[in-house]
């Protein structure tokens, strides 16, 4: 059984800069892609963190710049977060007080199921399984704290 590191305050834990390595597997088509970059969790006006990810995504042999922005707001329970898209729409909750969390996000006809695990103070992982009429993907992201 895996041992996860409990995190009493997810926003305090994530603050800072993280190296990101992501694999994207299309289970239906067999294609695989990779993202390499950096995610910075910086202060957000009004509280919380602004998640800004930038790097290079390679898919079917073509590499291109890729970015993503999310907002991590203080959650309903101390130490948790409400994750929102850049435009403010809700994405999922995040509670790492046990070191592990399962999140669900319905998106039109697709269903996103994310599993988050804190491996130690400097490493955490997110695995998203995306299924629906047009998607059958697994996205596995490893985060390593930059010092």
N, C-alpha and C. Protein backbone atom coordinates (compact mmCIF):
# COMPACT_ATOMS: atom_id res chain seq x y z
N UNK A 1 0.84 -1.19 0.00
CA UNK A 1 0.00 0.00 0.00
C UNK A 1 0.88 1.25 0.00
N UNK A 2 0.51 2.21 -0.81
CA UNK A 2 1.27 3.46 -0.91
C UNK A 2 1.04 4.31 0.33
N UNK A 3 2.07 5.00 0.73
CA UNK A 3 1.95 5.94 1.85
C UNK A 3 1.99 7.35 1.28
N UNK A 4 1.02 8.15 1.65
CA UNK A 4 0.95 9.52 1.18
C UNK A 4 1.27 10.46 2.33
N UNK A 5 1.75 11.64 2.01
CA UNK A 5 2.08 12.64 3.01
C UNK A 5 0.86 13.53 3.25
N UNK A 6 0.29 13.49 4.46
CA UNK A 6 -0.83 14.40 4.76
C UNK A 6 -0.37 15.86 4.68
N UNK A 7 -1.24 16.70 4.12
CA UNK A 7 -0.95 18.12 3.95
C UNK A 7 -2.06 18.90 4.66
N UNK A 8 -1.74 19.54 5.80
CA UNK A 8 -2.79 20.24 6.55
C UNK A 8 -3.34 21.48 5.85
N UNK A 9 -2.55 22.10 4.95
CA UNK A 9 -3.00 23.31 4.24
C UNK A 9 -2.51 23.22 2.80
N UNK A 10 -3.40 22.86 1.88
CA UNK A 10 -3.01 22.63 0.50
C UNK A 10 -2.45 23.90 -0.16
N UNK A 11 -3.01 25.06 0.14
CA UNK A 11 -2.52 26.30 -0.48
C UNK A 11 -1.10 26.62 -0.01
N UNK A 12 -0.82 26.44 1.26
CA UNK A 12 0.54 26.70 1.76
C UNK A 12 1.53 25.70 1.15
N UNK A 13 1.10 24.47 1.00
CA UNK A 13 1.98 23.43 0.46
C UNK A 13 2.33 23.69 -1.01
N UNK A 14 1.35 24.11 -1.79
CA UNK A 14 1.57 24.27 -3.24
C UNK A 14 2.31 25.55 -3.61
N UNK A 15 2.28 26.54 -2.74
CA UNK A 15 2.89 27.85 -3.05
C UNK A 15 4.33 27.66 -3.55
N UNK A 16 4.64 28.34 -4.65
CA UNK A 16 6.00 28.28 -5.19
C UNK A 16 6.02 27.74 -6.60
N UNK A 17 7.19 27.27 -7.01
CA UNK A 17 7.42 26.84 -8.39
C UNK A 17 7.69 25.33 -8.43
N UNK A 18 7.10 24.65 -9.42
CA UNK A 18 7.20 23.20 -9.56
C UNK A 18 7.57 22.85 -11.00
N UNK A 19 8.52 21.93 -11.17
CA UNK A 19 8.78 21.34 -12.49
C UNK A 19 7.66 20.36 -12.79
N UNK A 20 7.22 20.32 -14.03
CA UNK A 20 6.08 19.48 -14.42
C UNK A 20 6.49 18.55 -15.56
N UNK A 21 6.15 17.27 -15.41
CA UNK A 21 6.30 16.27 -16.46
C UNK A 21 4.95 15.57 -16.59
N UNK A 22 4.34 15.65 -17.78
CA UNK A 22 3.01 15.05 -17.98
C UNK A 22 3.04 14.13 -19.18
N UNK A 23 2.46 12.96 -19.03
CA UNK A 23 2.23 12.09 -20.17
C UNK A 23 0.73 12.10 -20.47
N UNK A 24 0.40 12.06 -21.74
CA UNK A 24 -0.99 12.02 -22.19
C UNK A 24 -1.12 10.80 -23.10
N UNK A 25 -1.97 9.86 -22.69
CA UNK A 25 -2.17 8.64 -23.48
C UNK A 25 -3.60 8.60 -23.99
N UNK A 26 -3.74 8.43 -25.29
CA UNK A 26 -5.05 8.24 -25.91
C UNK A 26 -5.26 6.73 -25.97
N UNK A 27 -6.11 6.20 -25.08
CA UNK A 27 -6.30 4.76 -25.00
C UNK A 27 -7.02 4.21 -26.22
N UNK A 28 -7.84 5.01 -26.87
CA UNK A 28 -8.57 4.54 -28.05
C UNK A 28 -7.68 4.50 -29.29
N UNK A 29 -6.90 5.56 -29.49
CA UNK A 29 -6.09 5.67 -30.70
C UNK A 29 -4.66 5.20 -30.55
N UNK A 30 -4.18 5.10 -29.29
CA UNK A 30 -2.81 4.65 -29.06
C UNK A 30 -1.76 5.74 -29.08
N UNK A 31 -2.16 6.98 -29.38
CA UNK A 31 -1.17 8.06 -29.41
C UNK A 31 -0.72 8.41 -27.99
N UNK A 32 0.53 8.91 -27.90
CA UNK A 32 1.05 9.40 -26.62
C UNK A 32 1.69 10.75 -26.83
N UNK A 33 1.47 11.64 -25.85
CA UNK A 33 2.08 12.95 -25.88
C UNK A 33 2.78 13.24 -24.57
N UNK A 34 3.59 14.31 -24.59
CA UNK A 34 4.31 14.70 -23.38
C UNK A 34 4.30 16.21 -23.24
N UNK A 35 4.20 16.64 -21.97
CA UNK A 35 4.33 18.05 -21.64
C UNK A 35 5.48 18.17 -20.65
N UNK A 36 6.36 19.14 -20.88
CA UNK A 36 7.45 19.46 -19.97
C UNK A 36 7.38 20.95 -19.71
N UNK A 37 7.42 21.34 -18.44
CA UNK A 37 7.36 22.77 -18.16
C UNK A 37 7.43 23.07 -16.69
N UNK A 38 6.84 24.21 -16.34
CA UNK A 38 6.88 24.72 -14.96
C UNK A 38 5.48 25.20 -14.60
N UNK A 39 5.10 24.94 -13.36
CA UNK A 39 3.88 25.51 -12.80
C UNK A 39 4.27 26.39 -11.63
N UNK A 40 3.78 27.63 -11.63
CA UNK A 40 4.03 28.56 -10.53
C UNK A 40 2.70 28.80 -9.83
N UNK A 41 2.67 28.57 -8.52
CA UNK A 41 1.53 28.89 -7.68
C UNK A 41 1.87 30.18 -6.95
N UNK A 42 1.37 31.30 -7.45
CA UNK A 42 1.66 32.60 -6.86
C UNK A 42 0.44 33.19 -6.21
N UNK A 43 0.63 34.25 -5.41
CA UNK A 43 -0.49 34.86 -4.70
C UNK A 43 -1.55 35.39 -5.65
N UNK A 44 -2.79 35.24 -5.24
CA UNK A 44 -3.93 35.71 -6.01
C UNK A 44 -4.60 36.82 -5.22
N UNK A 45 -4.89 37.93 -5.90
CA UNK A 45 -5.59 39.04 -5.23
C UNK A 45 -6.86 38.52 -4.58
N UNK A 46 -7.08 38.84 -3.34
CA UNK A 46 -8.26 38.40 -2.61
C UNK A 46 -8.08 37.07 -1.90
N UNK A 47 -6.91 36.47 -2.00
CA UNK A 47 -6.64 35.20 -1.32
C UNK A 47 -6.59 34.04 -2.29
N UNK A 48 -5.86 33.04 -1.94
CA UNK A 48 -5.69 31.87 -2.78
C UNK A 48 -4.44 31.97 -3.63
N UNK A 49 -4.36 31.10 -4.63
CA UNK A 49 -3.18 31.02 -5.49
C UNK A 49 -3.59 31.04 -6.96
N UNK A 50 -2.76 31.69 -7.76
CA UNK A 50 -2.91 31.65 -9.20
C UNK A 50 -1.94 30.60 -9.73
N UNK A 51 -2.46 29.58 -10.40
CA UNK A 51 -1.68 28.48 -10.96
C UNK A 51 -1.41 28.83 -12.42
N UNK A 52 -0.14 29.06 -12.75
CA UNK A 52 0.24 29.39 -14.12
C UNK A 52 1.24 28.36 -14.61
N UNK A 53 0.81 27.61 -15.62
CA UNK A 53 1.63 26.53 -16.16
C UNK A 53 2.09 26.91 -17.55
N UNK A 54 3.35 26.68 -17.85
CA UNK A 54 3.86 26.96 -19.19
C UNK A 54 4.95 25.95 -19.53
N UNK A 55 5.02 25.60 -20.80
CA UNK A 55 6.03 24.64 -21.23
C UNK A 55 5.82 24.25 -22.67
N UNK A 56 6.24 23.03 -22.99
CA UNK A 56 6.16 22.52 -24.35
C UNK A 56 5.37 21.21 -24.34
N UNK A 57 4.38 21.13 -25.23
CA UNK A 57 3.58 19.92 -25.39
C UNK A 57 3.93 19.30 -26.74
N UNK A 58 4.25 18.02 -26.72
CA UNK A 58 4.57 17.29 -27.95
C UNK A 58 3.51 16.23 -28.18
N UNK A 59 2.88 16.28 -29.34
CA UNK A 59 1.81 15.35 -29.70
C UNK A 59 2.00 14.96 -31.17
N UNK A 60 2.06 13.67 -31.44
CA UNK A 60 2.24 13.16 -32.80
C UNK A 60 3.46 13.77 -33.46
N UNK A 61 4.54 13.91 -32.68
CA UNK A 61 5.81 14.40 -33.20
C UNK A 61 5.91 15.90 -33.37
N UNK A 62 4.85 16.64 -33.03
CA UNK A 62 4.87 18.09 -33.18
C UNK A 62 4.92 18.73 -31.80
N UNK A 63 5.92 19.58 -31.58
CA UNK A 63 6.08 20.29 -30.30
C UNK A 63 5.61 21.72 -30.47
N UNK A 64 4.88 22.19 -29.43
CA UNK A 64 4.41 23.57 -29.47
C UNK A 64 4.31 24.10 -28.04
N UNK A 65 4.37 25.43 -27.88
CA UNK A 65 4.20 26.02 -26.54
C UNK A 65 2.79 25.74 -26.03
N UNK A 66 2.69 25.53 -24.71
CA UNK A 66 1.39 25.29 -24.09
C UNK A 66 1.34 26.01 -22.74
N UNK A 67 0.18 26.55 -22.42
CA UNK A 67 -0.02 27.23 -21.14
C UNK A 67 -1.38 26.84 -20.57
N UNK A 68 -1.51 27.02 -19.27
CA UNK A 68 -2.78 26.80 -18.59
C UNK A 68 -2.79 27.65 -17.34
N UNK A 69 -3.95 28.22 -17.03
CA UNK A 69 -4.11 29.04 -15.83
C UNK A 69 -5.32 28.53 -15.05
N UNK A 70 -5.14 28.34 -13.75
CA UNK A 70 -6.23 27.96 -12.85
C UNK A 70 -6.17 28.85 -11.62
N UNK A 71 -7.26 28.89 -10.90
CA UNK A 71 -7.33 29.63 -9.64
C UNK A 71 -7.60 28.64 -8.51
N UNK A 72 -6.77 28.66 -7.49
CA UNK A 72 -6.94 27.82 -6.31
C UNK A 72 -7.40 28.74 -5.18
N UNK A 73 -8.68 28.67 -4.84
CA UNK A 73 -9.25 29.53 -3.81
C UNK A 73 -9.40 28.77 -2.50
N UNK A 74 -9.40 29.47 -1.36
CA UNK A 74 -9.61 28.78 -0.09
C UNK A 74 -10.93 28.01 -0.13
N UNK A 75 -10.89 26.75 0.34
CA UNK A 75 -12.07 25.89 0.31
C UNK A 75 -12.99 26.13 1.48
N UNK A 76 -14.09 25.41 1.50
CA UNK A 76 -15.11 25.52 2.55
C UNK A 76 -14.58 25.02 3.90
N UNK A 77 -13.64 24.09 3.85
CA UNK A 77 -13.02 23.54 5.07
C UNK A 77 -11.59 24.06 5.15
N UNK A 78 -11.13 24.46 6.34
CA UNK A 78 -9.74 24.95 6.45
C UNK A 78 -8.73 23.96 5.87
N UNK A 79 -7.77 24.50 5.12
CA UNK A 79 -6.71 23.68 4.54
C UNK A 79 -7.05 23.10 3.17
N UNK A 80 -8.28 23.32 2.68
CA UNK A 80 -8.69 22.78 1.38
C UNK A 80 -8.75 23.90 0.35
N UNK A 81 -9.00 23.52 -0.90
CA UNK A 81 -9.08 24.51 -1.98
C UNK A 81 -10.24 24.20 -2.91
N UNK A 82 -10.77 25.26 -3.50
CA UNK A 82 -11.72 25.18 -4.60
C UNK A 82 -10.92 25.56 -5.85
N UNK A 83 -10.81 24.64 -6.79
CA UNK A 83 -10.06 24.90 -8.01
C UNK A 83 -11.03 25.37 -9.08
N UNK A 84 -10.68 26.49 -9.71
CA UNK A 84 -11.53 27.08 -10.74
C UNK A 84 -10.70 27.32 -12.00
N UNK A 85 -11.39 27.30 -13.13
CA UNK A 85 -10.73 27.65 -14.37
C UNK A 85 -10.39 29.14 -14.35
N UNK A 86 -9.58 29.59 -15.29
CA UNK A 86 -9.15 30.99 -15.33
C UNK A 86 -10.34 31.94 -15.39
N UNK A 87 -11.43 31.52 -16.05
CA UNK A 87 -12.60 32.40 -16.19
C UNK A 87 -13.55 32.34 -14.99
N UNK A 88 -13.18 31.58 -13.95
CA UNK A 88 -13.97 31.52 -12.72
C UNK A 88 -14.92 30.34 -12.62
N UNK A 89 -15.11 29.57 -13.71
CA UNK A 89 -15.99 28.40 -13.63
C UNK A 89 -15.39 27.35 -12.69
N UNK A 90 -16.24 26.66 -11.92
CA UNK A 90 -15.74 25.63 -11.01
C UNK A 90 -15.13 24.44 -11.75
N UNK A 91 -14.04 23.92 -11.20
CA UNK A 91 -13.38 22.73 -11.76
C UNK A 91 -13.55 21.57 -10.79
N UNK A 92 -12.91 21.68 -9.60
CA UNK A 92 -13.03 20.61 -8.61
C UNK A 92 -12.56 21.12 -7.25
N UNK A 93 -12.84 20.34 -6.21
CA UNK A 93 -12.31 20.64 -4.88
C UNK A 93 -10.99 19.88 -4.70
N UNK A 94 -10.20 20.32 -3.74
CA UNK A 94 -8.93 19.65 -3.45
C UNK A 94 -8.70 19.66 -1.95
N UNK A 95 -8.62 18.47 -1.39
CA UNK A 95 -8.40 18.29 0.05
C UNK A 95 -7.31 17.24 0.21
N UNK A 96 -6.12 17.67 0.59
CA UNK A 96 -4.99 16.76 0.72
C UNK A 96 -4.63 16.49 2.18
N UNK A 97 -5.59 16.68 3.08
CA UNK A 97 -5.29 16.46 4.51
C UNK A 97 -4.91 15.01 4.79
N UNK A 98 -5.34 14.08 3.95
CA UNK A 98 -4.93 12.67 4.11
C UNK A 98 -3.75 12.35 3.20
N UNK A 99 -3.37 13.30 2.34
CA UNK A 99 -2.30 13.08 1.37
C UNK A 99 -2.80 12.59 0.03
N UNK A 100 -4.09 12.28 -0.06
CA UNK A 100 -4.67 11.76 -1.30
C UNK A 100 -6.09 12.30 -1.46
N UNK A 101 -6.50 12.53 -2.72
CA UNK A 101 -7.83 13.07 -2.98
C UNK A 101 -8.33 12.60 -4.33
N UNK A 102 -9.61 12.29 -4.41
CA UNK A 102 -10.27 11.94 -5.67
C UNK A 102 -11.23 13.08 -6.02
N UNK A 103 -11.14 13.58 -7.26
CA UNK A 103 -12.02 14.66 -7.71
C UNK A 103 -12.75 14.21 -8.97
N UNK A 104 -13.95 14.73 -9.13
CA UNK A 104 -14.76 14.45 -10.32
C UNK A 104 -15.12 15.78 -10.97
N UNK A 105 -15.15 15.77 -12.31
CA UNK A 105 -15.57 16.97 -13.04
C UNK A 105 -16.33 16.55 -14.29
N UNK A 106 -17.64 16.80 -14.32
CA UNK A 106 -18.40 16.52 -15.55
C UNK A 106 -18.16 17.66 -16.55
N UNK A 107 -17.93 17.30 -17.79
CA UNK A 107 -17.67 18.30 -18.83
C UNK A 107 -18.45 17.87 -20.07
N UNK A 108 -19.62 18.47 -20.26
CA UNK A 108 -20.53 18.08 -21.35
C UNK A 108 -20.77 16.58 -21.24
N UNK A 109 -20.47 15.83 -22.29
CA UNK A 109 -20.72 14.38 -22.26
C UNK A 109 -19.55 13.61 -21.66
N UNK A 110 -18.46 14.29 -21.35
CA UNK A 110 -17.26 13.63 -20.82
C UNK A 110 -17.24 13.68 -19.29
N UNK A 111 -16.53 12.75 -18.71
CA UNK A 111 -16.35 12.72 -17.27
C UNK A 111 -14.85 12.68 -16.98
N UNK A 112 -14.41 13.62 -16.12
CA UNK A 112 -13.02 13.69 -15.69
C UNK A 112 -12.96 13.17 -14.25
N UNK A 113 -12.06 12.23 -13.98
CA UNK A 113 -11.85 11.73 -12.62
C UNK A 113 -10.36 11.88 -12.31
N UNK A 114 -10.06 12.70 -11.30
CA UNK A 114 -8.67 12.97 -10.95
C UNK A 114 -8.31 12.36 -9.61
N UNK A 115 -7.11 11.81 -9.55
CA UNK A 115 -6.57 11.31 -8.29
C UNK A 115 -5.28 12.06 -8.01
N UNK A 116 -5.24 12.70 -6.85
CA UNK A 116 -4.09 13.50 -6.42
C UNK A 116 -3.42 12.79 -5.26
N UNK A 117 -2.10 12.75 -5.26
CA UNK A 117 -1.37 12.11 -4.17
C UNK A 117 -0.09 12.90 -3.88
N UNK A 118 0.13 13.17 -2.59
CA UNK A 118 1.35 13.84 -2.16
C UNK A 118 2.34 12.75 -1.76
N UNK A 119 3.44 12.67 -2.49
CA UNK A 119 4.42 11.60 -2.27
C UNK A 119 5.40 11.95 -1.15
N UNK A 120 5.82 13.21 -1.10
CA UNK A 120 6.67 13.74 -0.02
C UNK A 120 6.61 15.26 -0.12
N UNK A 121 7.40 15.96 0.66
CA UNK A 121 7.29 17.43 0.68
C UNK A 121 7.61 18.08 -0.66
N UNK A 122 8.35 17.39 -1.52
CA UNK A 122 8.78 17.99 -2.78
C UNK A 122 8.22 17.32 -4.03
N UNK A 123 7.31 16.35 -3.86
CA UNK A 123 6.76 15.64 -5.02
C UNK A 123 5.28 15.33 -4.81
N UNK A 124 4.49 15.59 -5.84
CA UNK A 124 3.09 15.17 -5.83
C UNK A 124 2.70 14.80 -7.25
N UNK A 125 1.56 14.11 -7.36
CA UNK A 125 1.14 13.56 -8.64
C UNK A 125 -0.36 13.76 -8.83
N UNK A 126 -0.75 13.98 -10.07
CA UNK A 126 -2.16 14.05 -10.44
C UNK A 126 -2.37 13.12 -11.64
N UNK A 127 -3.37 12.25 -11.55
CA UNK A 127 -3.71 11.36 -12.65
C UNK A 127 -5.18 11.60 -13.00
N UNK A 128 -5.41 12.07 -14.21
CA UNK A 128 -6.77 12.31 -14.69
C UNK A 128 -7.14 11.25 -15.70
N UNK A 129 -8.29 10.63 -15.50
CA UNK A 129 -8.88 9.68 -16.45
C UNK A 129 -10.06 10.40 -17.08
N UNK A 130 -10.03 10.54 -18.40
CA UNK A 130 -11.07 11.27 -19.12
C UNK A 130 -11.79 10.29 -20.04
N UNK A 131 -13.10 10.17 -19.85
CA UNK A 131 -13.87 9.27 -20.69
C UNK A 131 -15.13 9.93 -21.19
N UNK A 132 -15.53 9.56 -22.37
CA UNK A 132 -16.75 10.08 -22.96
C UNK A 132 -16.87 9.60 -24.39
N UNK A 133 -17.85 10.12 -25.09
CA UNK A 133 -18.07 9.66 -26.46
C UNK A 133 -16.88 9.90 -27.39
N UNK A 134 -16.15 10.97 -27.17
CA UNK A 134 -15.05 11.31 -28.07
C UNK A 134 -13.68 11.22 -27.41
N UNK A 135 -13.63 10.91 -26.11
CA UNK A 135 -12.35 10.92 -25.40
C UNK A 135 -12.18 9.65 -24.59
N UNK A 136 -10.94 9.15 -24.59
CA UNK A 136 -10.55 8.03 -23.75
C UNK A 136 -9.08 8.24 -23.42
N UNK A 137 -8.83 9.10 -22.44
CA UNK A 137 -7.47 9.56 -22.15
C UNK A 137 -7.05 9.29 -20.71
N UNK A 138 -5.73 9.16 -20.51
CA UNK A 138 -5.14 9.17 -19.18
C UNK A 138 -4.02 10.20 -19.20
N UNK A 139 -4.12 11.20 -18.30
CA UNK A 139 -3.09 12.23 -18.17
C UNK A 139 -2.43 12.05 -16.81
N UNK A 140 -1.13 11.78 -16.81
CA UNK A 140 -0.39 11.56 -15.57
C UNK A 140 0.65 12.67 -15.44
N UNK A 141 0.54 13.44 -14.35
CA UNK A 141 1.43 14.58 -14.14
C UNK A 141 2.21 14.42 -12.86
N UNK A 142 3.52 14.54 -12.95
CA UNK A 142 4.40 14.56 -11.79
C UNK A 142 4.91 15.96 -11.56
N UNK A 143 4.87 16.40 -10.30
CA UNK A 143 5.32 17.73 -9.92
C UNK A 143 6.52 17.59 -8.97
N UNK A 144 7.60 18.33 -9.23
CA UNK A 144 8.77 18.34 -8.37
C UNK A 144 9.05 19.79 -7.99
N UNK A 145 9.10 20.06 -6.68
CA UNK A 145 9.34 21.42 -6.20
C UNK A 145 10.70 21.93 -6.66
N UNK A 146 10.71 23.16 -7.16
CA UNK A 146 11.99 23.80 -7.54
C UNK A 146 12.55 24.50 -6.32
N UNK A 147 13.80 24.32 -6.08
CA UNK A 147 14.46 24.94 -4.92
C UNK A 147 15.40 26.01 -5.37
